[in-house]
Amino acid sequence: MQMTDTNPQAAFWNSDAGHAWVENQAMLDHMFQPFEALLADAVRPGEQVLDVGCGTGATTLAAARRAGATGHATGIDISAPMIATARIRAAQAALPASFVCADAQHHPFDAAAFDAIVSRFGVMFFADPVTAFANLRRATRAGGRLHLYAWRSADDNPFMTAAERAAAPLVALPPRLPGQPGQFAFADAAFVRATLQAAGWHDIGIDAVDVPCAFPAAGLDAYAGRMGPLGRVLPTLDAARRQAVLAEVRRAFDLFVQGETVRYTAACWRITALANVIRG
C-alpha cells in the first residue's frame, strides 16, 4: 500500500472517514446508484478497466459485470478499510474484479494495461493532479478512454453542503480550501481541461450533467452525522451539543425529503478523453 504519514489524504481516508463509508456502504451505494449505470455504459465487453478512487467497490463491480468473463475490472483506492470491503463484495459476487490499495498518482501500473479508466467522484483528491493523470495515461493503451464524474461547485450542490451550512453557526468546521484536494477541487472546468492537457490526454470533453439521486429517508441521519466536514467534528462534541447540532442540521434537509425518500440533484461534470489521437 503506497502511502506515508505525510500524505494527508491517506491519513484522512484510513481514519474515521474511511470507516464511515464502510459503515454506510448500503446507503451510499443507493444514493449514488445512477452513476453505476452511467459508468458501466462506458465499458465494453472484454475490456480491461481501471476504477480510480473505487471506495467500497460498487462502480468496479458494475464495470466488471459489463466487461464480462473475457474482461476484468481493477479498483484502486487509498483507503484500506474500503478496499477490504470491496474485496469481500467481489468475492461474494464472483465477478472478474480485483482491488489495489494504493495512491493512483504514484502506483506503478503496467504500461498500456487498460482499455478504459472510469471514476465516480474519485479523482478530486490528488495532491498533484497533472502527475496523477499522466500516470493514468501511461497505464492506458493507445486509443484508450477516460470517463469520469466529478462534482461541480458547492453552490451547484446545495444537498451536498446542507449539513455544513446549517452547522456552521454552531461549530467550527474544517474549511474547504480553494485549490486544495477535496470534493469540489474539480469545480472549475477550465482547470480540469488544463490538467488533462498537461497530462497528455486528447479529445477532452467536459459536460455539465445533473443526475437525479435518491435514497431512503431512514438513512438521512447517518448521512448528515457521519459524512463530510461535519462528520469529522461531531465526535469531538459532548452528547448534548452533538444532539443540538444534529437537530439543526436535520431541519436543513427538510427541503429534500419527499415522504419516505430523500431526493436531490447531483450537479457534476462528465469528463471524457482519449489517451492519444487516433488517425487514419
Protein backbone atom coordinates (compact mmCIF):
# COMPACT_ATOMS: atom_id res chain seq x y z
CA MET A 1 0.00 0.00 0.00
CA GLN A 2 1.63 3.23 -1.15
CA MET A 3 1.03 5.91 1.40
CA THR A 4 3.04 7.76 4.00
CA ASP A 5 2.38 9.68 7.17
CA THR A 6 3.00 12.89 5.18
CA ASN A 7 0.08 12.21 2.84
CA PRO A 8 -2.95 13.99 4.33
CA GLN A 9 -5.38 12.17 2.03
CA ALA A 10 -4.01 8.79 3.05
CA ALA A 11 -4.32 9.69 6.70
CA PHE A 12 -7.84 11.00 6.21
CA TRP A 13 -9.27 8.08 4.21
CA ASN A 14 -7.69 5.49 6.50
CA SER A 15 -9.18 7.10 9.60
CA ASP A 16 -12.79 7.54 10.65
CA ALA A 17 -13.72 8.91 7.22
CA GLY A 18 -12.94 5.61 5.54
CA HIS A 19 -14.73 3.62 8.23
CA ALA A 20 -17.78 5.89 7.88
CA TRP A 21 -18.02 4.98 4.20
CA VAL A 22 -17.79 1.28 5.05
CA GLU A 23 -20.44 1.55 7.77
CA ASN A 24 -22.78 3.42 5.43
CA GLN A 25 -21.95 1.44 2.30
CA ALA A 26 -25.53 0.36 1.50
CA MET A 27 -26.94 3.85 1.90
CA LEU A 28 -24.16 5.48 -0.14
CA ASP A 29 -24.46 2.87 -2.89
CA HIS A 30 -28.18 3.63 -3.04
CA MET A 31 -27.76 7.39 -3.21
CA PHE A 32 -25.09 7.18 -5.94
CA GLN A 33 -26.58 4.21 -7.82
CA PRO A 34 -27.33 6.17 -11.04
CA PHE A 35 -23.59 6.62 -11.54
CA GLU A 36 -23.03 2.86 -11.58
CA ALA A 37 -25.13 2.61 -14.73
CA LEU A 38 -23.54 5.70 -16.30
CA LEU A 39 -20.03 4.34 -15.81
CA ALA A 40 -20.96 0.79 -16.83
CA ASP A 41 -22.27 2.22 -20.11
CA ALA A 42 -18.72 3.48 -20.79
CA VAL A 43 -17.33 -0.07 -20.61
CA ARG A 44 -17.33 -2.59 -23.45
CA PRO A 45 -17.40 -6.38 -23.12
CA GLY A 46 -13.93 -7.92 -22.88
CA GLU A 47 -12.19 -4.74 -21.76
CA GLN A 48 -9.61 -4.20 -19.04
CA VAL A 49 -10.97 -1.39 -16.85
CA LEU A 50 -9.45 0.67 -14.04
CA ASP A 51 -11.77 2.33 -11.49
CA VAL A 52 -9.95 5.18 -9.73
CA GLY A 53 -10.97 6.01 -6.18
CA CYS A 54 -13.20 2.94 -6.17
CA GLY A 55 -14.20 3.14 -2.50
CA THR A 56 -16.12 0.06 -1.40
CA GLY A 57 -16.29 -1.24 -4.94
CA ALA A 58 -19.80 -0.63 -6.29
CA THR A 59 -18.65 1.03 -9.51
CA THR A 60 -15.85 -1.51 -10.02
CA LEU A 61 -18.33 -4.35 -9.76
CA ALA A 62 -20.67 -2.59 -12.20
CA ALA A 63 -17.76 -2.28 -14.64
CA ALA A 64 -16.85 -5.94 -14.12
CA ARG A 65 -20.39 -7.03 -14.95
CA ARG A 66 -20.24 -5.08 -18.20
CA ALA A 67 -16.71 -6.26 -19.08
CA GLY A 68 -17.89 -9.85 -18.64
CA ALA A 69 -15.96 -13.08 -18.34
CA THR A 70 -13.42 -12.07 -21.02
CA GLY A 71 -12.70 -8.71 -19.36
CA HIS A 72 -11.62 -7.52 -15.96
CA ALA A 73 -12.13 -4.51 -13.68
CA THR A 74 -9.49 -3.30 -11.24
CA GLY A 75 -10.36 -0.87 -8.48
CA ILE A 76 -7.74 1.30 -6.81
CA ASP A 77 -8.21 3.37 -3.67
CA ILE A 78 -6.01 4.77 -0.93
CA SER A 79 -8.38 3.63 1.84
CA ALA A 80 -7.53 0.24 3.36
CA PRO A 81 -10.91 -0.24 5.09
CA MET A 82 -12.80 0.49 1.89
CA ILE A 83 -10.60 -1.79 -0.21
CA ALA A 84 -11.05 -4.61 2.31
CA THR A 85 -14.83 -4.27 1.96
CA ALA A 86 -14.59 -4.13 -1.84
CA ARG A 87 -12.63 -7.38 -1.94
CA ILE A 88 -15.26 -9.14 0.16
CA ARG A 89 -18.02 -7.88 -2.11
CA ALA A 90 -16.21 -9.02 -5.26
CA ALA A 91 -15.66 -12.49 -3.81
CA GLN A 92 -19.30 -12.77 -2.81
CA ALA A 93 -20.45 -11.68 -6.28
CA ALA A 94 -17.95 -13.96 -8.09
CA LEU A 95 -17.13 -11.18 -10.55
CA PRO A 96 -13.92 -10.60 -12.57
CA ALA A 97 -12.72 -7.79 -10.33
CA SER A 98 -9.65 -7.17 -8.18
CA PHE A 99 -8.56 -4.32 -5.93
CA VAL A 100 -5.36 -2.45 -5.13
CA CYS A 101 -4.84 -0.34 -2.03
CA ALA A 102 -2.53 2.40 -3.29
CA ASP A 103 -2.37 6.01 -4.48
CA ALA A 104 -3.13 6.07 -8.21
CA GLN A 105 -0.96 9.19 -8.53
CA HIS A 106 2.20 7.13 -7.99
CA HIS A 107 1.24 3.46 -8.34
CA PRO A 108 3.49 1.63 -10.86
CA PHE A 109 0.80 0.35 -13.21
CA ASP A 110 1.87 -1.80 -16.13
CA ALA A 111 2.15 0.33 -19.25
CA ALA A 112 -0.83 0.29 -21.62
CA ALA A 113 -2.66 -2.12 -19.31
CA PHE A 114 -6.18 -0.68 -19.53
CA ASP A 115 -8.73 -0.03 -22.25
CA ALA A 116 -10.78 2.34 -20.11
CA ILE A 117 -10.37 4.33 -16.92
CA VAL A 118 -13.51 5.27 -15.01
CA SER A 119 -14.20 7.06 -11.76
CA ARG A 120 -17.16 8.20 -9.69
CA PHE A 121 -16.02 11.14 -7.58
CA GLY A 122 -12.59 9.59 -7.03
CA VAL A 123 -10.20 11.92 -8.85
CA MET A 124 -10.57 15.21 -6.97
CA PHE A 125 -8.22 14.21 -4.14
CA PHE A 126 -4.83 14.01 -5.87
CA ALA A 127 -2.06 16.13 -4.38
CA ASP A 128 -0.72 16.71 -7.91
CA PRO A 129 -3.48 16.13 -10.50
CA VAL A 130 -1.19 16.54 -13.53
CA THR A 131 1.22 13.89 -12.25
CA ALA A 132 -1.70 11.62 -11.41
CA PHE A 133 -3.38 11.87 -14.79
CA ALA A 134 -0.04 11.44 -16.59
CA ASN A 135 0.45 8.23 -14.62
CA LEU A 136 -3.03 7.07 -15.58
CA ARG A 137 -2.39 7.92 -19.24
CA ARG A 138 0.74 5.76 -19.26
CA ALA A 139 -1.39 2.92 -17.90
CA THR A 140 -3.88 3.27 -20.77
CA ARG A 141 -3.47 1.63 -24.15
CA ALA A 142 -3.32 3.67 -27.37
CA GLY A 143 -6.82 4.96 -28.03
CA GLY A 144 -7.96 4.05 -24.52
CA ARG A 145 -10.66 6.12 -22.88
CA LEU A 146 -11.13 8.21 -19.77
CA HIS A 147 -14.70 8.53 -18.40
CA LEU A 148 -15.10 10.35 -15.08
CA TYR A 149 -17.67 12.11 -12.94
CA ALA A 150 -16.65 14.94 -10.62
CA TRP A 151 -18.67 17.44 -8.63
CA ARG A 152 -19.27 20.92 -9.96
CA SER A 153 -19.24 23.75 -7.41
CA ALA A 154 -20.54 23.77 -3.86
CA ASP A 155 -23.10 26.38 -4.92
CA ASP A 156 -24.37 24.00 -7.59
CA ASN A 157 -24.81 21.22 -5.00
CA PRO A 158 -26.95 22.50 -2.12
CA PHE A 159 -27.71 18.99 -0.88
CA MET A 160 -24.01 18.17 -0.54
CA THR A 161 -23.37 21.31 1.52
CA ALA A 162 -26.63 21.46 3.53
CA ALA A 163 -25.17 19.93 6.69
CA GLU A 164 -22.15 22.20 6.92
CA ARG A 165 -24.16 25.34 6.11
CA ALA A 166 -26.62 24.54 8.89
CA ALA A 167 -23.90 23.62 11.38
CA ALA A 168 -21.50 26.48 10.61
CA PRO A 169 -23.10 28.97 13.07
CA LEU A 170 -22.90 26.37 15.84
CA VAL A 171 -19.48 24.70 15.45
CA ALA A 172 -16.15 25.34 13.79
CA LEU A 173 -15.84 23.14 10.71
CA PRO A 174 -12.75 22.25 8.65
CA PRO A 175 -12.65 24.78 5.81
CA ARG A 176 -12.87 23.80 2.16
CA LEU A 177 -9.75 25.46 0.76
CA PRO A 178 -9.75 26.59 -2.90
CA GLY A 179 -7.11 24.85 -4.97
CA GLN A 180 -6.69 22.02 -2.47
CA PRO A 181 -7.70 18.35 -2.89
CA GLY A 182 -11.29 17.77 -1.89
CA GLN A 183 -14.86 17.22 -3.02
CA PHE A 184 -15.10 20.35 -5.16
CA ALA A 185 -11.49 20.53 -6.36
CA PHE A 186 -12.64 19.99 -9.98
CA ALA A 187 -15.41 22.60 -9.88
CA ASP A 188 -13.59 24.77 -12.46
CA ALA A 189 -13.93 23.18 -15.89
CA ALA A 190 -11.01 25.25 -17.25
CA PHE A 191 -8.77 23.84 -14.53
CA VAL A 192 -9.85 20.29 -15.36
CA ARG A 193 -9.18 20.80 -19.08
CA ALA A 194 -5.76 22.33 -18.45
CA THR A 195 -4.88 19.47 -16.09
CA LEU A 196 -5.76 16.78 -18.62
CA GLN A 197 -4.00 18.60 -21.45
CA ALA A 198 -0.83 18.96 -19.38
CA ALA A 199 -1.01 15.24 -18.56
CA GLY A 200 -1.12 14.31 -22.26
CA TRP A 201 -4.80 13.46 -22.80
CA HIS A 202 -6.59 14.38 -26.02
CA ASP A 203 -10.15 14.89 -27.34
CA ILE A 204 -11.19 16.19 -23.92
CA GLY A 205 -14.88 16.61 -23.22
CA ILE A 206 -16.26 18.33 -20.12
CA ASP A 207 -20.04 18.45 -19.97
CA ALA A 208 -22.35 19.61 -17.20
CA VAL A 209 -24.78 16.87 -16.18
CA ASP A 210 -27.45 16.92 -13.50
CA VAL A 211 -28.13 13.43 -12.16
CA PRO A 212 -31.29 12.77 -10.09
CA CYS A 213 -30.41 10.73 -6.99
CA ALA A 214 -32.45 9.29 -4.13
CA PHE A 215 -32.15 7.14 -1.01
CA PRO A 216 -34.43 6.13 1.88
CA ALA A 217 -35.07 8.90 4.38
CA ALA A 218 -34.22 6.42 7.14
CA GLY A 219 -30.57 6.86 6.18
CA LEU A 220 -30.56 10.65 6.39
CA ASP A 221 -29.41 10.96 9.99
CA ALA A 222 -26.45 8.67 9.35
CA TYR A 223 -25.55 10.63 6.22
CA ALA A 224 -25.82 14.02 7.92
CA GLY A 225 -23.95 12.97 11.05
CA ARG A 226 -21.19 10.80 9.63
CA MET A 227 -20.24 12.17 6.22
CA GLY A 228 -18.47 15.34 5.10
CA PRO A 229 -16.84 18.04 7.26
CA LEU A 230 -19.49 17.75 9.96
CA GLY A 231 -18.75 14.05 10.39
CA ARG A 232 -15.23 14.97 11.49
CA VAL A 233 -16.39 17.40 14.15
CA LEU A 234 -19.41 15.74 15.76
CA PRO A 235 -17.41 13.03 17.59
CA THR A 236 -15.47 15.77 19.39
CA LEU A 237 -18.62 17.33 20.92
CA ASP A 238 -20.34 16.36 24.13
CA ALA A 239 -23.62 14.47 23.78
CA ALA A 240 -25.94 17.42 24.44
CA ARG A 241 -24.21 19.73 21.98
CA ARG A 242 -23.98 16.97 19.40
CA GLN A 243 -27.74 16.40 19.56
CA ALA A 244 -28.43 20.13 19.28
CA VAL A 245 -26.27 20.41 16.16
CA LEU A 246 -27.83 17.34 14.61
CA ALA A 247 -31.34 18.68 15.21
CA GLU A 248 -30.47 21.91 13.41
CA VAL A 249 -28.81 20.05 10.58
CA ARG A 250 -31.72 17.66 10.19
CA ARG A 251 -34.08 20.59 9.58
CA ALA A 252 -31.82 21.80 6.77
CA PHE A 253 -32.64 18.65 4.81
CA ASP A 254 -36.42 19.02 5.00
CA LEU A 255 -36.40 20.56 1.53
CA PHE A 256 -35.06 17.29 0.10
CA VAL A 257 -37.36 14.84 1.89
CA GLN A 258 -40.39 13.59 -0.01
CA GLY A 259 -42.30 11.13 2.14
CA GLU A 260 -40.01 8.21 2.87
CA THR A 261 -37.40 9.24 0.28
CA VAL A 262 -34.62 11.81 0.08
CA ARG A 263 -34.27 13.26 -3.42
CA TYR A 264 -31.58 15.60 -4.70
CA THR A 265 -29.70 16.51 -7.86
CA ALA A 266 -26.01 15.74 -8.23
CA ALA A 267 -24.56 18.59 -10.29
CA CYS A 268 -21.48 17.09 -11.95
CA TRP A 269 -19.02 17.27 -14.77
CA ARG A 270 -18.88 14.31 -17.13
CA ILE A 271 -15.22 14.24 -18.15
CA THR A 272 -14.06 12.21 -21.15
CA ALA A 273 -10.76 11.98 -23.00
CA LEU A 274 -8.59 9.73 -25.15
CA ALA A 275 -5.09 8.55 -24.35
CA ASN A 276 -3.98 9.69 -27.78
CA VAL A 277 -5.38 10.94 -31.07
CA ILE A 278 -6.27 8.11 -33.45
CA ARG A 279 -5.63 8.98 -37.10
CA GLY A 280 -6.36 7.27 -40.38
